[in-house]
């Protein structure tokens, strides 16, 4: 057991040493274009379309558009028509967003940490943490125990049996569909 623990500590410490190179990613936007981050510390994300490439630090997806900004540049990228509107003034950018009705009710803004369901770890941590296997095992025991006529903690068992899978489903949908609404 001590050897296994020592191996795990060495393995985890070795993997974390290479974190800079592992932070690079490339994904497809909901509208079919490529968005990537090279893993550098600057945090620049680049969206590549057929004829254009735009780099920024923060962005969100809404109604066929990618709305993005960095320190002093602001963009409205129409991915359907593959056009880019560039602004140097934040107020003009916000005014254009309002005029084009691109201000969502719920905004999901991303930065260089954007990633897919398994890449960002949300699904993994919801299923297997705060204590490894505790939550799914507790859920499984609640499901099984409902088949027996035990009176003890029946309300907890009944509610946990549907709340836990609902949270998992919401987190999966939240990770799979990155758009704002």
N, C-alpha and C. Protein backbone atom coordinates (compact mmCIF):
# COMPACT_ATOMS: atom_id res chain seq x y z
N UNK A 1 0.82 -1.19 0.00
CA UNK A 1 0.00 0.00 0.00
C UNK A 1 0.86 1.26 0.00
N UNK A 2 1.97 1.23 0.75
CA UNK A 2 2.85 2.39 0.80
C UNK A 2 3.50 2.65 -0.56
N UNK A 3 3.82 1.57 -1.27
CA UNK A 3 4.42 1.73 -2.58
C UNK A 3 3.43 2.34 -3.57
N UNK A 4 2.19 1.91 -3.48
CA UNK A 4 1.16 2.47 -4.35
C UNK A 4 0.96 3.95 -4.07
N UNK A 5 0.90 4.32 -2.80
CA UNK A 5 0.76 5.72 -2.43
C UNK A 5 1.95 6.55 -2.91
N UNK A 6 3.15 6.04 -2.76
CA UNK A 6 4.34 6.73 -3.22
C UNK A 6 4.31 6.90 -4.74
N UNK A 7 3.89 5.87 -5.45
CA UNK A 7 3.78 5.95 -6.90
C UNK A 7 2.77 7.03 -7.31
N UNK A 8 1.62 7.07 -6.65
CA UNK A 8 0.61 8.08 -6.98
C UNK A 8 1.12 9.50 -6.72
N UNK A 9 1.83 9.71 -5.63
CA UNK A 9 2.37 11.03 -5.32
C UNK A 9 3.38 11.44 -6.38
N UNK A 10 4.27 10.53 -6.76
CA UNK A 10 5.27 10.85 -7.78
C UNK A 10 4.62 11.09 -9.14
N UNK A 11 3.61 10.29 -9.47
CA UNK A 11 2.93 10.46 -10.75
C UNK A 11 2.22 11.80 -10.82
N UNK A 12 1.48 12.15 -9.78
CA UNK A 12 0.75 13.41 -9.77
C UNK A 12 1.71 14.60 -9.81
N UNK A 13 2.80 14.53 -9.06
CA UNK A 13 3.75 15.65 -9.07
C UNK A 13 4.45 15.77 -10.43
N UNK A 14 4.67 14.68 -11.12
CA UNK A 14 5.29 14.72 -12.44
C UNK A 14 4.33 15.31 -13.46
N UNK A 15 3.07 14.92 -13.40
CA UNK A 15 2.08 15.41 -14.35
C UNK A 15 1.89 16.92 -14.18
N UNK A 16 1.85 17.41 -12.96
CA UNK A 16 1.64 18.83 -12.74
C UNK A 16 2.82 19.66 -13.21
N UNK A 17 3.99 19.08 -13.35
CA UNK A 17 5.15 19.83 -13.84
C UNK A 17 4.97 20.24 -15.30
N UNK A 18 4.16 19.52 -16.05
CA UNK A 18 3.98 19.79 -17.47
C UNK A 18 2.68 20.53 -17.74
N UNK A 19 2.13 21.21 -16.76
CA UNK A 19 0.82 21.85 -16.90
C UNK A 19 0.80 22.94 -17.95
N UNK A 20 1.88 23.65 -18.18
CA UNK A 20 1.89 24.72 -19.17
C UNK A 20 1.58 24.23 -20.56
N UNK A 21 2.16 23.11 -20.96
CA UNK A 21 1.90 22.56 -22.28
C UNK A 21 0.54 21.92 -22.39
N UNK A 22 0.01 21.47 -21.27
CA UNK A 22 -1.30 20.82 -21.29
C UNK A 22 -2.45 21.81 -21.32
N UNK A 23 -2.17 23.09 -21.14
CA UNK A 23 -3.25 24.07 -21.13
C UNK A 23 -3.65 24.52 -22.53
N UNK A 24 -2.98 24.06 -23.54
CA UNK A 24 -3.37 24.37 -24.92
C UNK A 24 -4.58 23.53 -25.29
N UNK A 25 -5.49 24.10 -26.05
CA UNK A 25 -6.68 23.38 -26.47
C UNK A 25 -7.18 23.90 -27.81
N UNK A 26 -8.00 23.10 -28.47
CA UNK A 26 -8.63 23.49 -29.73
C UNK A 26 -10.01 22.84 -29.75
N UNK A 27 -11.02 23.64 -30.01
CA UNK A 27 -12.41 23.17 -30.03
C UNK A 27 -13.12 23.77 -31.24
N UNK A 28 -14.26 23.22 -31.55
CA UNK A 28 -15.13 23.80 -32.56
C UNK A 28 -16.18 24.64 -31.85
N UNK A 29 -16.50 25.79 -32.43
CA UNK A 29 -17.56 26.62 -31.88
C UNK A 29 -18.90 25.97 -32.18
N UNK A 30 -19.97 26.41 -31.54
CA UNK A 30 -21.28 25.86 -31.87
C UNK A 30 -21.68 26.12 -33.32
N UNK A 31 -20.97 27.02 -34.00
CA UNK A 31 -21.31 27.38 -35.36
C UNK A 31 -20.33 26.79 -36.38
N UNK A 32 -19.46 25.87 -35.93
CA UNK A 32 -18.62 25.11 -36.84
C UNK A 32 -17.24 25.66 -37.15
N UNK A 33 -16.81 26.71 -36.50
CA UNK A 33 -15.47 27.25 -36.73
C UNK A 33 -14.52 26.78 -35.62
N UNK A 34 -13.25 26.98 -35.83
CA UNK A 34 -12.25 26.53 -34.87
C UNK A 34 -11.86 27.65 -33.93
N UNK A 35 -11.81 27.32 -32.64
CA UNK A 35 -11.37 28.27 -31.63
C UNK A 35 -10.28 27.57 -30.83
N UNK A 36 -9.17 28.28 -30.58
CA UNK A 36 -8.06 27.61 -29.90
C UNK A 36 -7.28 28.56 -29.02
N UNK A 37 -6.53 27.95 -28.11
CA UNK A 37 -5.62 28.65 -27.20
C UNK A 37 -4.31 27.87 -27.22
N UNK A 38 -3.19 28.56 -27.41
CA UNK A 38 -1.91 27.88 -27.56
C UNK A 38 -1.25 27.48 -26.25
N UNK A 39 -1.86 27.79 -25.12
CA UNK A 39 -1.30 27.40 -23.83
C UNK A 39 -0.38 28.42 -23.22
N UNK A 40 -0.17 29.54 -23.88
CA UNK A 40 0.73 30.55 -23.35
C UNK A 40 0.06 31.28 -22.19
N UNK A 41 0.86 31.98 -21.42
CA UNK A 41 0.35 32.65 -20.22
C UNK A 41 -0.46 33.90 -20.53
N UNK A 42 -0.39 34.42 -21.75
CA UNK A 42 -1.09 35.65 -22.10
C UNK A 42 -2.60 35.52 -22.11
N UNK A 43 -3.11 34.33 -22.34
CA UNK A 43 -4.54 34.10 -22.32
C UNK A 43 -5.27 34.47 -23.60
N UNK A 44 -4.58 34.57 -24.73
CA UNK A 44 -5.22 34.93 -25.99
C UNK A 44 -5.89 33.70 -26.61
N UNK A 45 -7.12 33.87 -27.02
CA UNK A 45 -7.89 32.84 -27.69
C UNK A 45 -8.10 33.31 -29.12
N UNK A 46 -7.94 32.41 -30.10
CA UNK A 46 -8.09 32.79 -31.51
C UNK A 46 -9.23 32.00 -32.15
N UNK A 47 -10.08 32.71 -32.86
CA UNK A 47 -11.16 32.11 -33.61
C UNK A 47 -10.78 32.17 -35.08
N UNK A 48 -10.78 31.03 -35.75
CA UNK A 48 -10.39 30.96 -37.16
C UNK A 48 -11.60 30.61 -38.01
N UNK A 49 -11.86 31.47 -38.98
CA UNK A 49 -12.89 31.21 -39.98
C UNK A 49 -12.16 31.03 -41.31
N UNK A 50 -12.89 30.84 -42.38
CA UNK A 50 -12.26 30.59 -43.67
C UNK A 50 -11.31 31.71 -44.09
N UNK A 51 -11.73 32.94 -43.93
CA UNK A 51 -10.91 34.06 -44.41
C UNK A 51 -10.36 34.93 -43.29
N UNK A 52 -10.88 34.79 -42.08
CA UNK A 52 -10.48 35.65 -40.98
C UNK A 52 -9.95 34.86 -39.80
N UNK A 53 -9.12 35.51 -39.01
CA UNK A 53 -8.70 34.98 -37.73
C UNK A 53 -8.68 36.14 -36.74
N UNK A 54 -9.36 35.98 -35.62
CA UNK A 54 -9.49 37.03 -34.63
C UNK A 54 -9.02 36.50 -33.29
N UNK A 55 -8.21 37.30 -32.57
CA UNK A 55 -7.72 36.89 -31.25
C UNK A 55 -8.26 37.84 -30.18
N UNK A 56 -8.62 37.28 -29.04
CA UNK A 56 -9.24 38.04 -27.95
C UNK A 56 -9.01 37.30 -26.64
N UNK A 57 -9.50 37.86 -25.54
CA UNK A 57 -9.30 37.24 -24.22
C UNK A 57 -10.59 36.71 -23.60
N UNK A 58 -11.71 37.35 -23.85
CA UNK A 58 -12.99 36.93 -23.28
C UNK A 58 -14.02 36.87 -24.39
N UNK A 59 -14.96 35.92 -24.29
CA UNK A 59 -15.95 35.77 -25.35
C UNK A 59 -17.17 35.02 -24.85
N UNK A 60 -18.26 35.15 -25.62
CA UNK A 60 -19.45 34.33 -25.41
C UNK A 60 -20.15 34.13 -26.74
N UNK A 61 -20.94 33.06 -26.81
CA UNK A 61 -21.67 32.71 -28.02
C UNK A 61 -23.14 33.08 -27.84
N UNK A 62 -23.72 33.69 -28.89
CA UNK A 62 -25.14 34.04 -28.82
C UNK A 62 -25.70 34.30 -30.21
N UNK A 63 -26.78 33.62 -30.57
CA UNK A 63 -27.52 33.83 -31.82
C UNK A 63 -26.63 33.85 -33.06
N UNK A 64 -25.77 32.87 -33.23
CA UNK A 64 -24.93 32.80 -34.42
C UNK A 64 -23.74 33.74 -34.39
N UNK A 65 -23.51 34.39 -33.28
CA UNK A 65 -22.41 35.35 -33.14
C UNK A 65 -21.48 34.92 -32.01
N UNK A 66 -20.26 35.36 -32.11
CA UNK A 66 -19.32 35.28 -31.00
C UNK A 66 -18.99 36.71 -30.63
N UNK A 67 -19.32 37.08 -29.40
CA UNK A 67 -19.08 38.43 -28.91
C UNK A 67 -17.81 38.34 -28.07
N UNK A 68 -16.79 39.12 -28.44
CA UNK A 68 -15.49 38.97 -27.80
C UNK A 68 -14.86 40.32 -27.48
N UNK A 69 -13.94 40.28 -26.53
CA UNK A 69 -13.19 41.50 -26.21
C UNK A 69 -11.87 41.14 -25.55
N UNK A 70 -10.94 42.07 -25.67
CA UNK A 70 -9.66 41.98 -24.95
C UNK A 70 -9.52 43.28 -24.18
N UNK A 71 -8.30 43.69 -23.91
CA UNK A 71 -8.10 44.89 -23.10
C UNK A 71 -8.66 46.15 -23.77
N UNK A 72 -8.38 46.35 -25.05
CA UNK A 72 -8.82 47.58 -25.71
C UNK A 72 -9.50 47.35 -27.06
N UNK A 73 -9.69 46.10 -27.45
CA UNK A 73 -10.37 45.77 -28.70
C UNK A 73 -11.64 44.98 -28.41
N UNK A 74 -12.68 45.28 -29.19
CA UNK A 74 -13.98 44.66 -28.99
C UNK A 74 -14.48 44.16 -30.34
N UNK A 75 -15.09 42.96 -30.32
CA UNK A 75 -15.50 42.33 -31.58
C UNK A 75 -16.93 41.81 -31.50
N UNK A 76 -17.62 41.90 -32.62
CA UNK A 76 -18.87 41.19 -32.86
C UNK A 76 -18.60 40.35 -34.10
N UNK A 77 -18.53 39.05 -33.91
CA UNK A 77 -18.18 38.13 -35.00
C UNK A 77 -19.44 37.37 -35.40
N UNK A 78 -19.90 37.62 -36.60
CA UNK A 78 -21.05 36.90 -37.14
C UNK A 78 -20.51 35.64 -37.80
N UNK A 79 -20.66 34.52 -37.14
CA UNK A 79 -20.09 33.27 -37.67
C UNK A 79 -20.90 32.70 -38.81
N UNK A 80 -22.15 33.07 -38.92
CA UNK A 80 -22.98 32.58 -40.02
C UNK A 80 -22.54 33.23 -41.33
N UNK A 81 -22.38 34.56 -41.31
CA UNK A 81 -21.95 35.30 -42.50
C UNK A 81 -20.44 35.43 -42.59
N UNK A 82 -19.73 35.01 -41.55
CA UNK A 82 -18.27 35.09 -41.45
C UNK A 82 -17.77 36.52 -41.62
N UNK A 83 -18.38 37.42 -40.88
CA UNK A 83 -17.95 38.82 -40.87
C UNK A 83 -17.51 39.21 -39.46
N UNK A 84 -16.61 40.18 -39.37
CA UNK A 84 -16.08 40.65 -38.09
C UNK A 84 -16.26 42.16 -38.01
N UNK A 85 -16.90 42.60 -36.94
CA UNK A 85 -16.98 44.03 -36.65
C UNK A 85 -16.00 44.30 -35.52
N UNK A 86 -15.10 45.26 -35.72
CA UNK A 86 -14.06 45.57 -34.75
C UNK A 86 -14.31 46.97 -34.19
N UNK A 87 -14.20 47.10 -32.87
CA UNK A 87 -14.44 48.37 -32.20
C UNK A 87 -13.25 48.70 -31.30
N UNK A 88 -12.91 49.97 -31.24
CA UNK A 88 -11.88 50.45 -30.31
C UNK A 88 -12.50 51.11 -29.08
N UNK A 89 -13.78 51.37 -29.13
CA UNK A 89 -14.49 52.04 -28.07
C UNK A 89 -15.53 51.08 -27.46
N UNK A 90 -15.45 50.87 -26.16
CA UNK A 90 -16.35 49.93 -25.50
C UNK A 90 -17.81 50.39 -25.56
N UNK A 91 -18.05 51.67 -25.45
CA UNK A 91 -19.42 52.18 -25.49
C UNK A 91 -20.07 51.95 -26.85
N UNK A 92 -19.32 52.17 -27.93
CA UNK A 92 -19.86 51.90 -29.27
C UNK A 92 -20.14 50.41 -29.45
N UNK A 93 -19.26 49.58 -28.91
CA UNK A 93 -19.42 48.13 -28.98
C UNK A 93 -20.69 47.70 -28.24
N UNK A 94 -20.88 48.20 -27.02
CA UNK A 94 -22.07 47.87 -26.24
C UNK A 94 -23.34 48.38 -26.92
N UNK A 95 -23.24 49.56 -27.53
CA UNK A 95 -24.38 50.12 -28.24
C UNK A 95 -24.74 49.24 -29.45
N UNK A 96 -23.75 48.76 -30.16
CA UNK A 96 -23.98 47.89 -31.32
C UNK A 96 -24.55 46.54 -30.88
N UNK A 97 -24.08 46.03 -29.75
CA UNK A 97 -24.64 44.78 -29.21
C UNK A 97 -26.12 44.95 -28.91
N UNK A 98 -26.45 46.08 -28.29
CA UNK A 98 -27.85 46.36 -27.97
C UNK A 98 -28.68 46.54 -29.25
N UNK A 99 -28.13 47.22 -30.23
CA UNK A 99 -28.85 47.47 -31.48
C UNK A 99 -29.10 46.17 -32.25
N UNK A 100 -28.14 45.26 -32.23
CA UNK A 100 -28.30 43.98 -32.94
C UNK A 100 -29.00 42.93 -32.08
N UNK A 101 -29.45 43.32 -30.89
CA UNK A 101 -30.14 42.41 -29.96
C UNK A 101 -29.28 41.19 -29.63
N UNK A 102 -28.03 41.43 -29.25
CA UNK A 102 -27.10 40.36 -28.93
C UNK A 102 -26.75 40.32 -27.44
N UNK A 103 -27.58 40.90 -26.61
CA UNK A 103 -27.37 40.86 -25.16
C UNK A 103 -28.25 39.76 -24.60
N UNK A 104 -27.65 38.65 -24.17
CA UNK A 104 -28.46 37.53 -23.69
C UNK A 104 -29.02 37.77 -22.29
N UNK A 105 -30.04 37.01 -21.97
CA UNK A 105 -30.63 37.04 -20.64
C UNK A 105 -29.64 36.43 -19.63
N UNK A 106 -29.00 35.33 -20.02
CA UNK A 106 -27.99 34.66 -19.21
C UNK A 106 -26.73 34.52 -20.05
N UNK A 107 -25.67 35.22 -19.66
CA UNK A 107 -24.43 35.22 -20.45
C UNK A 107 -23.43 34.23 -19.86
N UNK A 108 -22.92 33.32 -20.71
CA UNK A 108 -21.88 32.38 -20.32
C UNK A 108 -20.59 32.84 -20.97
N UNK A 109 -19.83 33.64 -20.27
CA UNK A 109 -18.60 34.20 -20.82
C UNK A 109 -17.43 33.28 -20.51
N UNK A 110 -16.54 33.15 -21.49
CA UNK A 110 -15.39 32.26 -21.38
C UNK A 110 -14.10 33.05 -21.52
N UNK A 111 -13.00 32.42 -21.12
CA UNK A 111 -11.66 32.98 -21.33
C UNK A 111 -10.77 31.86 -21.85
N UNK A 112 -9.50 31.91 -21.58
CA UNK A 112 -8.58 30.90 -22.13
C UNK A 112 -8.75 29.52 -21.49
N UNK A 113 -9.60 29.39 -20.48
CA UNK A 113 -9.84 28.10 -19.84
C UNK A 113 -11.00 27.34 -20.46
N UNK A 114 -11.57 27.87 -21.53
CA UNK A 114 -12.70 27.22 -22.21
C UNK A 114 -12.30 25.82 -22.65
N UNK A 115 -13.21 24.88 -22.47
CA UNK A 115 -12.91 23.52 -22.87
C UNK A 115 -14.18 22.69 -22.90
N UNK A 116 -14.06 21.43 -23.30
CA UNK A 116 -15.23 20.58 -23.45
C UNK A 116 -15.61 19.94 -22.11
N UNK A 117 -16.62 19.09 -22.14
CA UNK A 117 -17.16 18.50 -20.92
C UNK A 117 -16.12 17.72 -20.13
N UNK A 118 -15.28 16.95 -20.77
CA UNK A 118 -14.29 16.18 -20.03
C UNK A 118 -13.01 16.97 -19.83
N UNK A 119 -12.78 17.98 -20.68
CA UNK A 119 -11.56 18.77 -20.54
C UNK A 119 -11.59 19.73 -19.37
N UNK A 120 -12.75 20.32 -19.08
CA UNK A 120 -12.79 21.27 -17.97
C UNK A 120 -13.04 20.60 -16.64
N UNK A 121 -13.40 19.35 -16.63
CA UNK A 121 -13.51 18.59 -15.40
C UNK A 121 -14.80 18.76 -14.63
N UNK A 122 -15.73 19.57 -15.11
CA UNK A 122 -16.97 19.76 -14.35
C UNK A 122 -17.70 18.43 -14.17
N UNK A 123 -17.86 17.69 -15.24
CA UNK A 123 -18.55 16.41 -15.16
C UNK A 123 -17.82 15.46 -14.22
N UNK A 124 -16.52 15.39 -14.34
CA UNK A 124 -15.73 14.50 -13.50
C UNK A 124 -15.88 14.84 -12.01
N UNK A 125 -15.78 16.13 -11.68
CA UNK A 125 -15.85 16.52 -10.28
C UNK A 125 -17.26 16.37 -9.70
N UNK A 126 -18.29 16.59 -10.50
CA UNK A 126 -19.65 16.40 -10.01
C UNK A 126 -19.90 14.94 -9.70
N UNK A 127 -19.39 14.05 -10.55
CA UNK A 127 -19.65 12.62 -10.36
C UNK A 127 -18.78 12.04 -9.25
N UNK A 128 -17.51 12.36 -9.18
CA UNK A 128 -16.59 11.65 -8.31
C UNK A 128 -16.08 12.41 -7.09
N UNK A 129 -16.45 13.65 -6.91
CA UNK A 129 -15.97 14.39 -5.76
C UNK A 129 -17.13 15.01 -5.04
N UNK A 130 -17.08 15.43 -3.82
CA UNK A 130 -15.97 15.84 -3.00
C UNK A 130 -15.16 14.69 -2.42
N UNK A 131 -15.74 13.55 -2.23
CA UNK A 131 -14.99 12.38 -1.79
C UNK A 131 -15.13 11.35 -2.90
N UNK A 132 -14.03 10.78 -3.38
CA UNK A 132 -14.12 9.85 -4.52
C UNK A 132 -15.16 8.75 -4.29
N UNK A 133 -16.04 8.64 -5.24
CA UNK A 133 -17.11 7.64 -5.30
C UNK A 133 -18.17 7.78 -4.22
N UNK A 134 -18.09 8.78 -3.34
CA UNK A 134 -19.09 8.91 -2.29
C UNK A 134 -20.46 9.25 -2.85
N UNK A 135 -20.53 10.25 -3.69
CA UNK A 135 -21.82 10.69 -4.21
C UNK A 135 -22.52 9.63 -5.05
N UNK A 136 -21.84 9.00 -6.03
CA UNK A 136 -22.54 7.97 -6.79
C UNK A 136 -22.90 6.74 -5.95
N UNK A 137 -22.05 6.39 -4.99
CA UNK A 137 -22.36 5.24 -4.13
C UNK A 137 -23.53 5.55 -3.21
N UNK A 138 -23.57 6.76 -2.70
CA UNK A 138 -24.71 7.16 -1.86
C UNK A 138 -25.99 7.15 -2.69
N UNK A 139 -25.92 7.64 -3.92
CA UNK A 139 -27.09 7.63 -4.79
C UNK A 139 -27.55 6.19 -5.07
N UNK A 140 -26.60 5.31 -5.37
CA UNK A 140 -26.94 3.91 -5.65
C UNK A 140 -27.56 3.25 -4.43
N UNK A 141 -27.02 3.51 -3.26
CA UNK A 141 -27.59 2.92 -2.04
C UNK A 141 -28.99 3.46 -1.77
N UNK A 142 -29.22 4.73 -2.08
CA UNK A 142 -30.57 5.30 -1.92
C UNK A 142 -31.57 4.64 -2.86
N UNK A 143 -31.16 4.43 -4.10
CA UNK A 143 -32.03 3.77 -5.08
C UNK A 143 -32.39 2.37 -4.61
N UNK A 144 -31.38 1.62 -4.18
CA UNK A 144 -31.62 0.24 -3.74
C UNK A 144 -32.48 0.23 -2.47
N UNK A 145 -32.19 1.14 -1.54
CA UNK A 145 -32.92 1.13 -0.26
C UNK A 145 -34.39 1.52 -0.41
N UNK A 146 -34.74 2.22 -1.47
CA UNK A 146 -36.15 2.57 -1.67
C UNK A 146 -37.02 1.35 -1.95
N UNK A 147 -36.41 0.26 -2.38
CA UNK A 147 -37.16 -0.97 -2.64
C UNK A 147 -37.55 -1.68 -1.34
N UNK A 148 -36.93 -1.29 -0.23
CA UNK A 148 -37.22 -1.91 1.06
C UNK A 148 -38.10 -0.99 1.89
N UNK A 149 -38.91 -1.55 2.78
CA UNK A 149 -39.88 -0.73 3.54
C UNK A 149 -39.26 -0.02 4.76
N UNK A 150 -38.04 0.43 4.69
CA UNK A 150 -37.42 1.13 5.82
C UNK A 150 -38.02 2.52 5.96
N UNK A 151 -38.25 2.89 7.19
CA UNK A 151 -38.80 4.23 7.45
C UNK A 151 -37.69 5.26 7.66
N UNK A 152 -36.52 4.80 7.97
CA UNK A 152 -35.42 5.69 8.33
C UNK A 152 -34.96 6.53 7.13
N UNK A 153 -34.98 7.83 7.27
CA UNK A 153 -34.50 8.80 6.27
C UNK A 153 -35.12 8.57 4.89
N UNK A 154 -36.39 8.18 4.87
CA UNK A 154 -37.04 7.91 3.59
C UNK A 154 -37.15 9.18 2.73
N UNK A 155 -37.42 10.32 3.35
CA UNK A 155 -37.51 11.57 2.60
C UNK A 155 -36.19 11.92 1.94
N UNK A 156 -35.09 11.77 2.68
CA UNK A 156 -33.77 12.04 2.11
C UNK A 156 -33.49 11.10 0.95
N UNK A 157 -33.73 9.81 1.16
CA UNK A 157 -33.45 8.82 0.12
C UNK A 157 -34.28 9.08 -1.13
N UNK A 158 -35.54 9.41 -0.94
CA UNK A 158 -36.43 9.65 -2.08
C UNK A 158 -35.98 10.88 -2.88
N UNK A 159 -35.68 11.96 -2.18
CA UNK A 159 -35.28 13.18 -2.88
C UNK A 159 -33.88 13.09 -3.47
N UNK A 160 -32.95 12.48 -2.76
CA UNK A 160 -31.59 12.34 -3.28
C UNK A 160 -31.57 11.46 -4.53
N UNK A 161 -32.50 10.53 -4.61
CA UNK A 161 -32.57 9.62 -5.76
C UNK A 161 -32.88 10.35 -7.06
N UNK A 162 -33.56 11.47 -7.02
CA UNK A 162 -33.83 12.22 -8.25
C UNK A 162 -33.02 13.51 -8.34
N UNK A 163 -32.61 14.08 -7.21
CA UNK A 163 -31.84 15.33 -7.26
C UNK A 163 -30.44 15.10 -7.83
N UNK A 164 -29.75 14.07 -7.39
CA UNK A 164 -28.39 13.81 -7.86
C UNK A 164 -28.33 13.60 -9.38
N UNK A 165 -29.17 12.73 -9.97
CA UNK A 165 -29.14 12.59 -11.44
C UNK A 165 -29.54 13.88 -12.16
N UNK A 166 -30.42 14.67 -11.57
CA UNK A 166 -30.81 15.94 -12.18
C UNK A 166 -29.64 16.90 -12.25
N UNK A 167 -28.87 16.98 -11.18
CA UNK A 167 -27.69 17.84 -11.17
C UNK A 167 -26.68 17.37 -12.21
N UNK A 168 -26.48 16.07 -12.31
CA UNK A 168 -25.56 15.51 -13.33
C UNK A 168 -26.04 15.89 -14.72
N UNK A 169 -27.33 15.73 -14.99
CA UNK A 169 -27.88 16.06 -16.31
C UNK A 169 -27.71 17.54 -16.62
N UNK A 170 -27.98 18.40 -15.66
CA UNK A 170 -27.82 19.85 -15.87
C UNK A 170 -26.37 20.19 -16.18
N UNK A 171 -25.43 19.61 -15.45
CA UNK A 171 -24.01 19.89 -15.67
C UNK A 171 -23.54 19.37 -17.03
N UNK A 172 -24.05 18.22 -17.44
CA UNK A 172 -23.69 17.69 -18.76
C UNK A 172 -24.24 18.62 -19.85
N UNK A 173 -25.49 19.01 -19.75
CA UNK A 173 -26.07 19.92 -20.74
C UNK A 173 -25.36 21.27 -20.73
N UNK A 174 -25.01 21.74 -19.55
CA UNK A 174 -24.30 23.01 -19.41
C UNK A 174 -22.94 22.96 -20.11
N UNK A 175 -22.29 21.81 -20.05
CA UNK A 175 -20.97 21.68 -20.68
C UNK A 175 -21.07 21.41 -22.18
N UNK A 176 -22.08 20.69 -22.61
CA UNK A 176 -22.20 20.33 -24.02
C UNK A 176 -22.70 21.50 -24.86
N UNK A 177 -23.56 22.34 -24.30
CA UNK A 177 -24.12 23.48 -25.02
C UNK A 177 -23.56 24.78 -24.43
N UNK A 178 -22.52 25.33 -25.03
CA UNK A 178 -21.84 26.49 -24.44
C UNK A 178 -22.48 27.85 -24.72
N UNK A 179 -23.61 27.88 -25.41
CA UNK A 179 -24.21 29.15 -25.81
C UNK A 179 -24.84 29.86 -24.62
N UNK A 180 -24.91 31.16 -24.75
CA UNK A 180 -25.68 31.97 -23.82
C UNK A 180 -27.13 31.93 -24.24
N UNK A 181 -28.03 32.27 -23.34
CA UNK A 181 -29.44 32.34 -23.72
C UNK A 181 -30.13 33.48 -23.00
